[in-house]
């Protein structure tokens, strides 16, 4: 999937994967969700997510149904760091954003 948002193309196929998070549900579960944080060649950050019918990425199907889906969402560095912190991705933060952290 690629997406154009405000005249900018976000394409996972041409971007660098920085971090991957997947919940503990099996892919066959309606709650399954997988998210990947990417950086484009020009430095823009975005999140590509996929999920089942009960995930944040579900899409309407028919009159009252829901199905799996996917989406791309641009992110600021602050949003990306918060996303990584919330998912416990400390190693990835240290690797890709070393200047954004300091010792306590």
PDB file of N, CA and C in Angstrom:
ATOM      1  N   UNK A   1       0.845  -1.173   0.000  1.00  0.00           N
ATOM      2  CA  UNK A   1       0.000   0.000   0.000  1.00  0.00           C
ATOM      3  C   UNK A   1       0.893   1.241   0.000  1.00  0.00           C
ATOM      4  N   UNK A   2       0.548   2.190  -0.805  1.00  0.00           N
ATOM      5  CA  UNK A   2       1.158   3.512  -0.731  1.00  0.00           C
ATOM      6  C   UNK A   2       0.027   4.521  -0.674  1.00  0.00           C
ATOM      7  N   UNK A   3       0.343   5.708  -0.171  1.00  0.00           N
ATOM      8  CA  UNK A   3      -0.707   6.696   0.017  1.00  0.00           C
ATOM      9  C   UNK A   3      -0.126   8.083  -0.221  1.00  0.00           C
ATOM     10  N   UNK A   4      -0.918   8.952  -0.841  1.00  0.00           N
ATOM     11  CA  UNK A   4      -0.532  10.341  -1.033  1.00  0.00           C
ATOM     12  C   UNK A   4      -1.366  11.186  -0.082  1.00  0.00           C
ATOM     13  N   UNK A   5      -0.656  11.942   0.771  1.00  0.00           N
ATOM     14  CA  UNK A   5      -1.294  12.785   1.781  1.00  0.00           C
ATOM     15  C   UNK A   5      -0.724  14.189   1.645  1.00  0.00           C
ATOM     16  N   UNK A   6      -1.602  15.139   1.378  1.00  0.00           N
ATOM     17  CA  UNK A   6      -1.209  16.536   1.192  1.00  0.00           C
ATOM     18  C   UNK A   6      -0.074  16.678   0.173  1.00  0.00           C
ATOM     19  N   UNK A   7      -0.207  15.944  -0.927  1.00  0.00           N
ATOM     20  CA  UNK A   7       0.747  16.036  -2.030  1.00  0.00           C
ATOM     21  C   UNK A   7       2.055  15.298  -1.815  1.00  0.00           C
ATOM     22  N   UNK A   8       2.171  14.526  -0.730  1.00  0.00           N
ATOM     23  CA  UNK A   8       3.392  13.769  -0.456  1.00  0.00           C
ATOM     24  C   UNK A   8       3.093  12.279  -0.500  1.00  0.00           C
ATOM     25  N   UNK A   9       3.992  11.542  -1.180  1.00  0.00           N
ATOM     26  CA  UNK A   9       3.817  10.099  -1.323  1.00  0.00           C
ATOM     27  C   UNK A   9       4.518   9.377  -0.175  1.00  0.00           C
ATOM     28  N   UNK A  10       3.792   8.463   0.464  1.00  0.00           N
ATOM     29  CA  UNK A  10       4.317   7.611   1.527  1.00  0.00           C
ATOM     30  C   UNK A  10       4.241   6.174   1.016  1.00  0.00           C
ATOM     31  N   UNK A  11       5.403   5.569   0.795  1.00  0.00           N
ATOM     32  CA  UNK A  11       5.467   4.249   0.180  1.00  0.00           C
ATOM     33  C   UNK A  11       6.423   3.360   0.974  1.00  0.00           C
ATOM     34  N   UNK A  12       5.905   2.357   1.682  1.00  0.00           N
ATOM     35  CA  UNK A  12       6.783   1.466   2.438  1.00  0.00           C
ATOM     36  C   UNK A  12       7.843   0.782   1.575  1.00  0.00           C
ATOM     37  N   UNK A  13       7.556   0.567   0.299  1.00  0.00           N
ATOM     38  CA  UNK A  13       8.505  -0.131  -0.578  1.00  0.00           C
ATOM     39  C   UNK A  13       9.768   0.679  -0.834  1.00  0.00           C
ATOM     40  N   UNK A  14       9.696   2.003  -0.670  1.00  0.00           N
ATOM     41  CA  UNK A  14      10.861   2.842  -0.931  1.00  0.00           C
ATOM     42  C   UNK A  14      11.393   3.506   0.340  1.00  0.00           C
ATOM     43  N   UNK A  15      10.842   3.159   1.489  1.00  0.00           N
ATOM     44  CA  UNK A  15      11.238   3.770   2.756  1.00  0.00           C
ATOM     45  C   UNK A  15      12.030   2.782   3.608  1.00  0.00           C
ATOM     46  N   UNK A  16      12.725   3.322   4.602  1.00  0.00           N
ATOM     47  CA  UNK A  16      13.515   2.511   5.538  1.00  0.00           C
ATOM     48  C   UNK A  16      12.648   2.133   6.736  1.00  0.00           C
ATOM     49  N   UNK A  17      12.597   0.858   7.051  1.00  0.00           N
ATOM     50  CA  UNK A  17      11.867   0.393   8.227  1.00  0.00           C
ATOM     51  C   UNK A  17      12.704   0.677   9.472  1.00  0.00           C
ATOM     52  N   UNK A  18      12.123   1.412  10.441  1.00  0.00           N
ATOM     53  CA  UNK A  18      12.834   1.751  11.666  1.00  0.00           C
ATOM     54  C   UNK A  18      12.449   0.865  12.839  1.00  0.00           C
ATOM     55  N   UNK A  19      11.178   0.482  12.909  1.00  0.00           N
ATOM     56  CA  UNK A  19      10.700  -0.315  14.034  1.00  0.00           C
ATOM     57  C   UNK A  19       9.434  -1.060  13.632  1.00  0.00           C
ATOM     58  N   UNK A  20       9.286  -2.260  14.191  1.00  0.00           N
ATOM     59  CA  UNK A  20       8.114  -3.093  13.916  1.00  0.00           C
ATOM     60  C   UNK A  20       7.503  -3.506  15.252  1.00  0.00           C
ATOM     61  N   UNK A  21       6.193  -3.391  15.345  1.00  0.00           N
ATOM     62  CA  UNK A  21       5.472  -3.847  16.529  1.00  0.00           C
ATOM     63  C   UNK A  21       4.264  -4.659  16.073  1.00  0.00           C
ATOM     64  N   UNK A  22       4.046  -5.767  16.751  1.00  0.00           N
ATOM     65  CA  UNK A  22       2.881  -6.603  16.461  1.00  0.00           C
ATOM     66  C   UNK A  22       2.298  -7.059  17.788  1.00  0.00           C
ATOM     67  N   UNK A  23       0.967  -6.976  17.919  1.00  0.00           N
ATOM     68  CA  UNK A  23       0.376  -7.422  19.179  1.00  0.00           C
ATOM     69  C   UNK A  23       0.446  -8.949  19.265  1.00  0.00           C
ATOM     70  N   UNK A  24       0.032  -9.483  20.362  1.00  0.00           N
ATOM     71  CA  UNK A  24       0.217 -10.915  20.628  1.00  0.00           C
ATOM     72  C   UNK A  24      -0.900 -11.801  20.084  1.00  0.00           C
ATOM     73  N   UNK A  25      -1.823 -11.206  19.377  1.00  0.00           N
ATOM     74  CA  UNK A  25      -2.910 -12.007  18.801  1.00  0.00           C
ATOM     75  C   UNK A  25      -2.428 -12.680  17.519  1.00  0.00           C
ATOM     76  N   UNK A  26      -2.897 -13.907  17.248  1.00  0.00           N
ATOM     77  CA  UNK A  26      -2.528 -14.542  15.970  1.00  0.00           C
ATOM     78  C   UNK A  26      -3.167 -13.797  14.797  1.00  0.00           C
ATOM     79  N   UNK A  27      -2.550 -13.920  13.630  1.00  0.00           N
ATOM     80  CA  UNK A  27      -3.057 -13.218  12.439  1.00  0.00           C
ATOM     81  C   UNK A  27      -4.514 -13.549  12.123  1.00  0.00           C
ATOM     82  N   UNK A  28      -4.969 -14.706  12.521  1.00  0.00           N
ATOM     83  CA  UNK A  28      -6.352 -15.105  12.246  1.00  0.00           C
ATOM     84  C   UNK A  28      -7.348 -14.451  13.212  1.00  0.00           C
ATOM     85  N   UNK A  29      -6.862 -13.800  14.259  1.00  0.00           N
ATOM     86  CA  UNK A  29      -7.715 -13.173  15.266  1.00  0.00           C
ATOM     87  C   UNK A  29      -8.184 -11.806  14.772  1.00  0.00           C
ATOM     88  N   UNK A  30      -9.422 -11.455  15.056  1.00  0.00           N
ATOM     89  CA  UNK A  30      -9.963 -10.156  14.648  1.00  0.00           C
ATOM     90  C   UNK A  30      -9.208  -8.988  15.288  1.00  0.00           C
ATOM     91  N   UNK A  31      -8.546  -9.219  16.433  1.00  0.00           N
ATOM     92  CA  UNK A  31      -7.834  -8.153  17.139  1.00  0.00           C
ATOM     93  C   UNK A  31      -6.372  -8.024  16.712  1.00  0.00           C
ATOM     94  N   UNK A  32      -5.918  -8.880  15.804  1.00  0.00           N
ATOM     95  CA  UNK A  32      -4.519  -8.834  15.358  1.00  0.00           C
ATOM     96  C   UNK A  32      -4.187  -7.466  14.778  1.00  0.00           C
ATOM     97  N   UNK A  33      -2.967  -6.995  15.071  1.00  0.00           N
ATOM     98  CA  UNK A  33      -2.532  -5.691  14.582  1.00  0.00           C
ATOM     99  C   UNK A  33      -1.010  -5.704  14.428  1.00  0.00           C
ATOM    100  N   UNK A  34      -0.526  -5.096  13.342  1.00  0.00           N
ATOM    101  CA  UNK A  34       0.911  -4.962  13.076  1.00  0.00           C
ATOM    102  C   UNK A  34       1.168  -3.552  12.580  1.00  0.00           C
ATOM    103  N   UNK A  35       2.188  -2.905  13.161  1.00  0.00           N
ATOM    104  CA  UNK A  35       2.535  -1.549  12.761  1.00  0.00           C
ATOM    105  C   UNK A  35       4.033  -1.467  12.485  1.00  0.00           C
ATOM    106  N   UNK A  36       4.380  -0.700  11.466  1.00  0.00           N
ATOM    107  CA  UNK A  36       5.785  -0.494  11.098  1.00  0.00           C
ATOM    108  C   UNK A  36       6.022   1.001  10.950  1.00  0.00           C
ATOM    109  N   UNK A  37       7.056   1.485  11.626  1.00  0.00           N
ATOM    110  CA  UNK A  37       7.455   2.881  11.506  1.00  0.00           C
ATOM    111  C   UNK A  37       8.505   2.981  10.414  1.00  0.00           C
ATOM    112  N   UNK A  38       8.300   3.899   9.475  1.00  0.00           N
ATOM    113  CA  UNK A  38       9.200   4.081   8.333  1.00  0.00           C
ATOM    114  C   UNK A  38       9.747   5.502   8.275  1.00  0.00           C
ATOM    115  N   UNK A  39      10.898   5.635   7.622  1.00  0.00           N
ATOM    116  CA  UNK A  39      11.464   6.941   7.268  1.00  0.00           C
ATOM    117  C   UNK A  39      11.650   6.961   5.754  1.00  0.00           C
ATOM    118  N   UNK A  40      11.116   7.999   5.095  1.00  0.00           N
ATOM    119  CA  UNK A  40      11.261   8.117   3.648  1.00  0.00           C
ATOM    120  C   UNK A  40      12.686   8.557   3.306  1.00  0.00           C
ATOM    121  N   UNK A  41      13.090   8.434   2.048  1.00  0.00           N
ATOM    122  CA  UNK A  41      14.421   8.911   1.647  1.00  0.00           C
ATOM    123  C   UNK A  41      14.646  10.403   1.945  1.00  0.00           C
ATOM    124  N   UNK A  42      13.571  11.181   2.015  1.00  0.00           N
ATOM    125  CA  UNK A  42      13.699  12.605   2.334  1.00  0.00           C
ATOM    126  C   UNK A  42      13.576  12.894   3.832  1.00  0.00           C
ATOM    127  N   UNK A  43      13.419  11.838   4.647  1.00  0.00           N
ATOM    128  CA  UNK A  43      13.416  12.007   6.097  1.00  0.00           C
ATOM    129  C   UNK A  43      12.067  12.089   6.779  1.00  0.00           C
ATOM    130  N   UNK A  44      10.973  12.009   6.026  1.00  0.00           N
ATOM    131  CA  UNK A  44       9.643  12.046   6.637  1.00  0.00           C
ATOM    132  C   UNK A  44       9.356  10.714   7.323  1.00  0.00           C
ATOM    133  N   UNK A  45       8.668  10.780   8.451  1.00  0.00           N
ATOM    134  CA  UNK A  45       8.301   9.577   9.204  1.00  0.00           C
ATOM    135  C   UNK A  45       6.835   9.251   8.971  1.00  0.00           C
ATOM    136  N   UNK A  46       6.533   7.953   8.904  1.00  0.00           N
ATOM    137  CA  UNK A  46       5.135   7.535   8.802  1.00  0.00           C
ATOM    138  C   UNK A  46       4.955   6.141   9.371  1.00  0.00           C
ATOM    139  N   UNK A  47       3.719   5.876   9.789  1.00  0.00           N
ATOM    140  CA  UNK A  47       3.353   4.577  10.347  1.00  0.00           C
ATOM    141  C   UNK A  47       2.449   3.858   9.359  1.00  0.00           C
ATOM    142  N   UNK A  48       2.784   2.617   9.057  1.00  0.00           N
ATOM    143  CA  UNK A  48       1.930   1.769   8.213  1.00  0.00           C
ATOM    144  C   UNK A  48       1.385   0.676   9.116  1.00  0.00           C
ATOM    145  N   UNK A  49       0.083   0.629   9.253  1.00  0.00           N
ATOM    146  CA  UNK A  49      -0.547  -0.363  10.107  1.00  0.00           C
ATOM    147  C   UNK A  49      -1.521  -1.234   9.353  1.00  0.00           C
ATOM    148  N   UNK A  50      -1.621  -2.480   9.823  1.00  0.00           N
ATOM    149  CA  UNK A  50      -2.588  -3.447   9.295  1.00  0.00           C
ATOM    150  C   UNK A  50      -3.251  -4.123  10.481  1.00  0.00           C
ATOM    151  N   UNK A  51      -4.475  -4.572  10.284  1.00  0.00           N
ATOM    152  CA  UNK A  51      -5.117  -5.263  11.377  1.00  0.00           C
ATOM    153  C   UNK A  51      -6.418  -5.920  10.989  1.00  0.00           C
ATOM    154  N   UNK A  52      -6.927  -6.681  11.932  1.00  0.00           N
ATOM    155  CA  UNK A  52      -8.175  -7.406  11.746  1.00  0.00           C
ATOM    156  C   UNK A  52      -9.398  -6.538  11.991  1.00  0.00           C
ATOM    157  N   UNK A  53     -10.544  -7.169  11.970  1.00  0.00           N
ATOM    158  CA  UNK A  53     -11.830  -6.472  12.046  1.00  0.00           C
ATOM    159  C   UNK A  53     -12.072  -5.758  13.371  1.00  0.00           C
ATOM    160  N   UNK A  54     -11.348  -6.120  14.420  1.00  0.00           N
ATOM    161  CA  UNK A  54     -11.509  -5.454  15.720  1.00  0.00           C
ATOM    162  C   UNK A  54     -10.246  -4.674  16.097  1.00  0.00           C
ATOM    163  N   UNK A  55      -9.444  -4.342  15.113  1.00  0.00           N
ATOM    164  CA  UNK A  55      -8.218  -3.566  15.337  1.00  0.00           C
ATOM    165  C   UNK A  55      -8.483  -2.094  14.996  1.00  0.00           C
ATOM    166  N   UNK A  56      -7.531  -1.225  15.309  1.00  0.00           N
ATOM    167  CA  UNK A  56      -7.691   0.181  14.909  1.00  0.00           C
ATOM    168  C   UNK A  56      -7.725   0.374  13.391  1.00  0.00           C
ATOM    169  N   UNK A  57      -7.369  -0.649  12.642  1.00  0.00           N
ATOM    170  CA  UNK A  57      -7.314  -0.538  11.181  1.00  0.00           C
ATOM    171  C   UNK A  57      -8.504  -1.184  10.484  1.00  0.00           C
ATOM    172  N   UNK A  58      -9.526  -1.556  11.234  1.00  0.00           N
ATOM    173  CA  UNK A  58     -10.702  -2.174  10.623  1.00  0.00           C
ATOM    174  C   UNK A  58     -11.399  -1.192   9.697  1.00  0.00           C
ATOM    175  N   UNK A  59     -12.089  -1.740   8.717  1.00  0.00           N
ATOM    176  CA  UNK A  59     -12.806  -0.928   7.735  1.00  0.00           C
ATOM    177  C   UNK A  59     -14.240  -1.429   7.616  1.00  0.00           C
ATOM    178  N   UNK A  60     -15.171  -0.541   7.304  1.00  0.00           N
ATOM    179  CA  UNK A  60     -16.566  -0.959   7.143  1.00  0.00           C
ATOM    180  C   UNK A  60     -16.728  -1.932   5.974  1.00  0.00           C
ATOM    181  N   UNK A  61     -17.600  -2.925   6.181  1.00  0.00           N
ATOM    182  CA  UNK A  61     -17.926  -3.902   5.138  1.00  0.00           C
ATOM    183  C   UNK A  61     -19.436  -4.095   5.165  1.00  0.00           C
ATOM    184  N   UNK A  62     -20.065  -3.910   4.044  1.00  0.00           N
ATOM    185  CA  UNK A  62     -21.510  -4.092   3.982  1.00  0.00           C
ATOM    186  C   UNK A  62     -22.248  -3.053   4.814  1.00  0.00           C
ATOM    187  N   UNK A  63     -23.442  -3.414   5.278  1.00  0.00           N
ATOM    188  CA  UNK A  63     -24.268  -2.470   6.037  1.00  0.00           C
ATOM    189  C   UNK A  63     -23.771  -2.234   7.451  1.00  0.00           C
ATOM    190  N   UNK A  64     -23.451  -3.292   8.176  1.00  0.00           N
ATOM    191  CA  UNK A  64     -23.069  -3.137   9.577  1.00  0.00           C
ATOM    192  C   UNK A  64     -21.814  -3.913   9.946  1.00  0.00           C
ATOM    193  N   UNK A  65     -21.101  -4.413   8.980  1.00  0.00           N
ATOM    194  CA  UNK A  65     -19.948  -5.251   9.284  1.00  0.00           C
ATOM    195  C   UNK A  65     -18.636  -4.490   9.330  1.00  0.00           C
ATOM    196  N   UNK A  66     -17.618  -5.176   9.801  1.00  0.00           N
ATOM    197  CA  UNK A  66     -16.262  -4.641   9.829  1.00  0.00           C
ATOM    198  C   UNK A  66     -15.337  -5.729   9.298  1.00  0.00           C
ATOM    199  N   UNK A  67     -14.308  -5.311   8.602  1.00  0.00           N
ATOM    200  CA  UNK A  67     -13.301  -6.237   8.089  1.00  0.00           C
ATOM    201  C   UNK A  67     -11.917  -5.697   8.378  1.00  0.00           C
ATOM    202  N   UNK A  68     -10.926  -6.494   8.121  1.00  0.00           N
ATOM    203  CA  UNK A  68      -9.557  -6.051   8.303  1.00  0.00           C
ATOM    204  C   UNK A  68      -9.210  -4.944   7.330  1.00  0.00           C
ATOM    205  N   UNK A  69      -8.169  -4.204   7.660  1.00  0.00           N
ATOM    206  CA  UNK A  69      -7.756  -3.119   6.783  1.00  0.00           C
ATOM    207  C   UNK A  69      -6.346  -2.661   7.093  1.00  0.00           C
ATOM    208  N   UNK A  70      -5.958  -1.578   6.435  1.00  0.00           N
ATOM    209  CA  UNK A  70      -4.634  -1.007   6.645  1.00  0.00           C
ATOM    210  C   UNK A  70      -4.687   0.482   6.374  1.00  0.00           C
ATOM    211  N   UNK A  71      -3.671   1.197   6.887  1.00  0.00           N
ATOM    212  CA  UNK A  71      -3.626   2.641   6.673  1.00  0.00           C
ATOM    213  C   UNK A  71      -2.192   3.128   6.853  1.00  0.00           C
ATOM    214  N   UNK A  72      -1.939   4.308   6.349  1.00  0.00           N
ATOM    215  CA  UNK A  72      -0.660   4.997   6.506  1.00  0.00           C
ATOM    216  C   UNK A  72      -0.943   6.335   7.165  1.00  0.00           C
ATOM    217  N   UNK A  73      -0.127   6.672   8.176  1.00  0.00           N
ATOM    218  CA  UNK A  73      -0.308   7.913   8.902  1.00  0.00           C
ATOM    219  C   UNK A  73       1.032   8.631   9.062  1.00  0.00           C
ATOM    220  N   UNK A  74       1.182   9.834   8.527  1.00  0.00           N
ATOM    221  CA  UNK A  74       2.417  10.594   8.738  1.00  0.00           C
ATOM    222  C   UNK A  74       2.599  10.877  10.231  1.00  0.00           C
ATOM    223  N   UNK A  75       3.851  10.964  10.675  1.00  0.00           N
ATOM    224  CA  UNK A  75       4.144  11.228  12.083  1.00  0.00           C
ATOM    225  C   UNK A  75       5.272  12.247  12.201  1.00  0.00           C
ATOM    226  N   UNK A  76       5.217  13.032  13.243  1.00  0.00           N
ATOM    227  CA  UNK A  76       6.344  13.882  13.597  1.00  0.00           C
ATOM    228  C   UNK A  76       7.345  13.032  14.376  1.00  0.00           C
ATOM    229  N   UNK A  77       8.542  13.560  14.597  1.00  0.00           N
ATOM    230  CA  UNK A  77       9.516  12.810  15.394  1.00  0.00           C
ATOM    231  C   UNK A  77       8.989  12.603  16.810  1.00  0.00           C
ATOM    232  N   UNK A  78       8.332  13.593  17.366  1.00  0.00           N
ATOM    233  CA  UNK A  78       7.768  13.471  18.717  1.00  0.00           C
ATOM    234  C   UNK A  78       6.732  12.354  18.771  1.00  0.00           C
ATOM    235  N   UNK A  79       5.854  12.292  17.780  1.00  0.00           N
ATOM    236  CA  UNK A  79       4.839  11.234  17.727  1.00  0.00           C
ATOM    237  C   UNK A  79       5.490   9.866  17.558  1.00  0.00           C
ATOM    238  N   UNK A  80       6.523   9.786  16.705  1.00  0.00           N
ATOM    239  CA  UNK A  80       7.213   8.519  16.479  1.00  0.00           C
ATOM    240  C   UNK A  80       7.892   8.044  17.756  1.00  0.00           C
ATOM    241  N   UNK A  81       8.549   8.951  18.473  1.00  0.00           N
ATOM    242  CA  UNK A  81       9.195   8.578  19.734  1.00  0.00           C
ATOM    243  C   UNK A  81       8.177   8.114  20.760  1.00  0.00           C
ATOM    244  N   UNK A  82       7.056   8.795  20.841  1.00  0.00           N
ATOM    245  CA  UNK A  82       6.003   8.386  21.776  1.00  0.00           C
ATOM    246  C   UNK A  82       5.468   7.007  21.413  1.00  0.00           C
ATOM    247  N   UNK A  83       5.243   6.756  20.122  1.00  0.00           N
ATOM    248  CA  UNK A  83       4.770   5.456  19.656  1.00  0.00           C
ATOM    249  C   UNK A  83       5.757   4.366  20.062  1.00  0.00           C
ATOM    250  N   UNK A  84       7.053   4.617  19.869  1.00  0.00           N
ATOM    251  CA  UNK A  84       8.081   3.632  20.209  1.00  0.00           C
ATOM    252  C   UNK A  84       8.169   3.417  21.719  1.00  0.00           C
ATOM    253  N   UNK A  85       8.092   4.491  22.499  1.00  0.00           N
ATOM    254  CA  UNK A  85       8.133   4.363  23.952  1.00  0.00           C
ATOM    255  C   UNK A  85       6.956   3.544  24.467  1.00  0.00           C
ATOM    256  N   UNK A  86       5.757   3.811  23.955  1.00  0.00           N
ATOM    257  CA  UNK A  86       4.557   3.101  24.398  1.00  0.00           C
ATOM    258  C   UNK A  86       4.627   1.607  24.095  1.00  0.00           C
ATOM    259  N   UNK A  87       5.403   1.226  23.113  1.00  0.00           N
ATOM    260  CA  UNK A  87       5.517  -0.173  22.725  1.00  0.00           C
ATOM    261  C   UNK A  87       6.799  -0.829  23.242  1.00  0.00           C
ATOM    262  N   UNK A  88       7.561  -0.118  24.043  1.00  0.00           N
ATOM    263  CA  UNK A  88       8.757  -0.679  24.650  1.00  0.00           C
ATOM    264  C   UNK A  88       9.901  -0.925  23.681  1.00  0.00           C
ATOM    265  N   UNK A  89      10.028  -0.107  22.666  1.00  0.00           N
ATOM    266  CA  UNK A  89      11.043  -0.302  21.632  1.00  0.00           C
ATOM    267  C   UNK A  89      12.291   0.544  21.920  1.00  0.00           C
ATOM    268  N   UNK A  90      12.875   0.357  23.111  1.00  0.00           N
ATOM    269  CA  UNK A  90      14.015   1.165  23.560  1.00  0.00           C
ATOM    270  C   UNK A  90      15.229   1.017  22.646  1.00  0.00           C
ATOM    271  N   UNK A  91      15.536  -0.197  22.212  1.00  0.00           N
ATOM    272  CA  UNK A  91      16.702  -0.399  21.345  1.00  0.00           C
ATOM    273  C   UNK A  91      16.567   0.374  20.037  1.00  0.00           C
ATOM    274  N   UNK A  92      15.366   0.381  19.474  1.00  0.00           N
ATOM    275  CA  UNK A  92      15.133   1.092  18.219  1.00  0.00           C
ATOM    276  C   UNK A  92      15.238   2.607  18.413  1.00  0.00           C
ATOM    277  N   UNK A  93      14.772   3.103  19.567  1.00  0.00           N
ATOM    278  CA  UNK A  93      14.905   4.529  19.855  1.00  0.00           C
ATOM    279  C   UNK A  93      16.380   4.897  19.928  1.00  0.00           C
ATOM    280  N   UNK A  94      17.156   4.115  20.658  1.00  0.00           N
ATOM    281  CA  UNK A  94      18.590   4.393  20.789  1.00  0.00           C
ATOM    282  C   UNK A  94      19.306   4.334  19.442  1.00  0.00           C
ATOM    283  N   UNK A  95      18.898   3.419  18.591  1.00  0.00           N
ATOM    284  CA  UNK A  95      19.542   3.251  17.287  1.00  0.00           C
ATOM    285  C   UNK A  95      19.208   4.386  16.316  1.00  0.00           C
ATOM    286  N   UNK A  96      17.940   4.788  16.257  1.00  0.00           N
ATOM    287  CA  UNK A  96      17.505   5.731  15.229  1.00  0.00           C
ATOM    288  C   UNK A  96      17.348   7.177  15.706  1.00  0.00           C
ATOM    289  N   UNK A  97      17.212   7.383  17.013  1.00  0.00           N
ATOM    290  CA  UNK A  97      17.008   8.736  17.547  1.00  0.00           C
ATOM    291  C   UNK A  97      17.907   8.968  18.767  1.00  0.00           C
ATOM    292  N   UNK A  98      19.207   8.719  18.673  1.00  0.00           N
ATOM    293  CA  UNK A  98      20.074   8.837  19.853  1.00  0.00           C
ATOM    294  C   UNK A  98      20.119  10.251  20.428  1.00  0.00           C
ATOM    295  N   UNK A  99      19.942  11.258  19.605  1.00  0.00           N
ATOM    296  CA  UNK A  99      20.005  12.640  20.094  1.00  0.00           C
ATOM    297  C   UNK A  99      18.737  13.068  20.828  1.00  0.00           C
ATOM    298  N   UNK A 100      17.705  12.246  20.758  1.00  0.00           N
ATOM    299  CA  UNK A 100      16.434  12.601  21.384  1.00  0.00           C
ATOM    300  C   UNK A 100      16.308  12.078  22.818  1.00  0.00           C
ATOM    301  N   UNK A 101      17.329  11.359  23.286  1.00  0.00           N
ATOM    302  CA  UNK A 101      17.256  10.786  24.637  1.00  0.00           C
ATOM    303  C   UNK A 101      18.471  11.204  25.453  1.00  0.00           C
ATOM    304  N   UNK A 102      18.308  11.122  26.752  1.00  0.00           N
ATOM    305  CA  UNK A 102      19.424  11.420  27.656  1.00  0.00           C
ATOM    306  C   UNK A 102      19.301  10.509  28.876  1.00  0.00           C
ATOM    307  N   UNK A 103      20.396  10.327  29.568  1.00  0.00           N
ATOM    308  CA  UNK A 103      20.365   9.516  30.778  1.00  0.00           C
ATOM    309  C   UNK A 103      19.607  10.238  31.878  1.00  0.00           C
ATOM    310  N   UNK A 104      18.903   9.478  32.689  1.00  0.00           N
ATOM    311  CA  UNK A 104      18.115  10.054  33.793  1.00  0.00           C
ATOM    312  C   UNK A 104      19.025  10.451  34.939  1.00  0.00           C
TER     313      UNK A 104
END
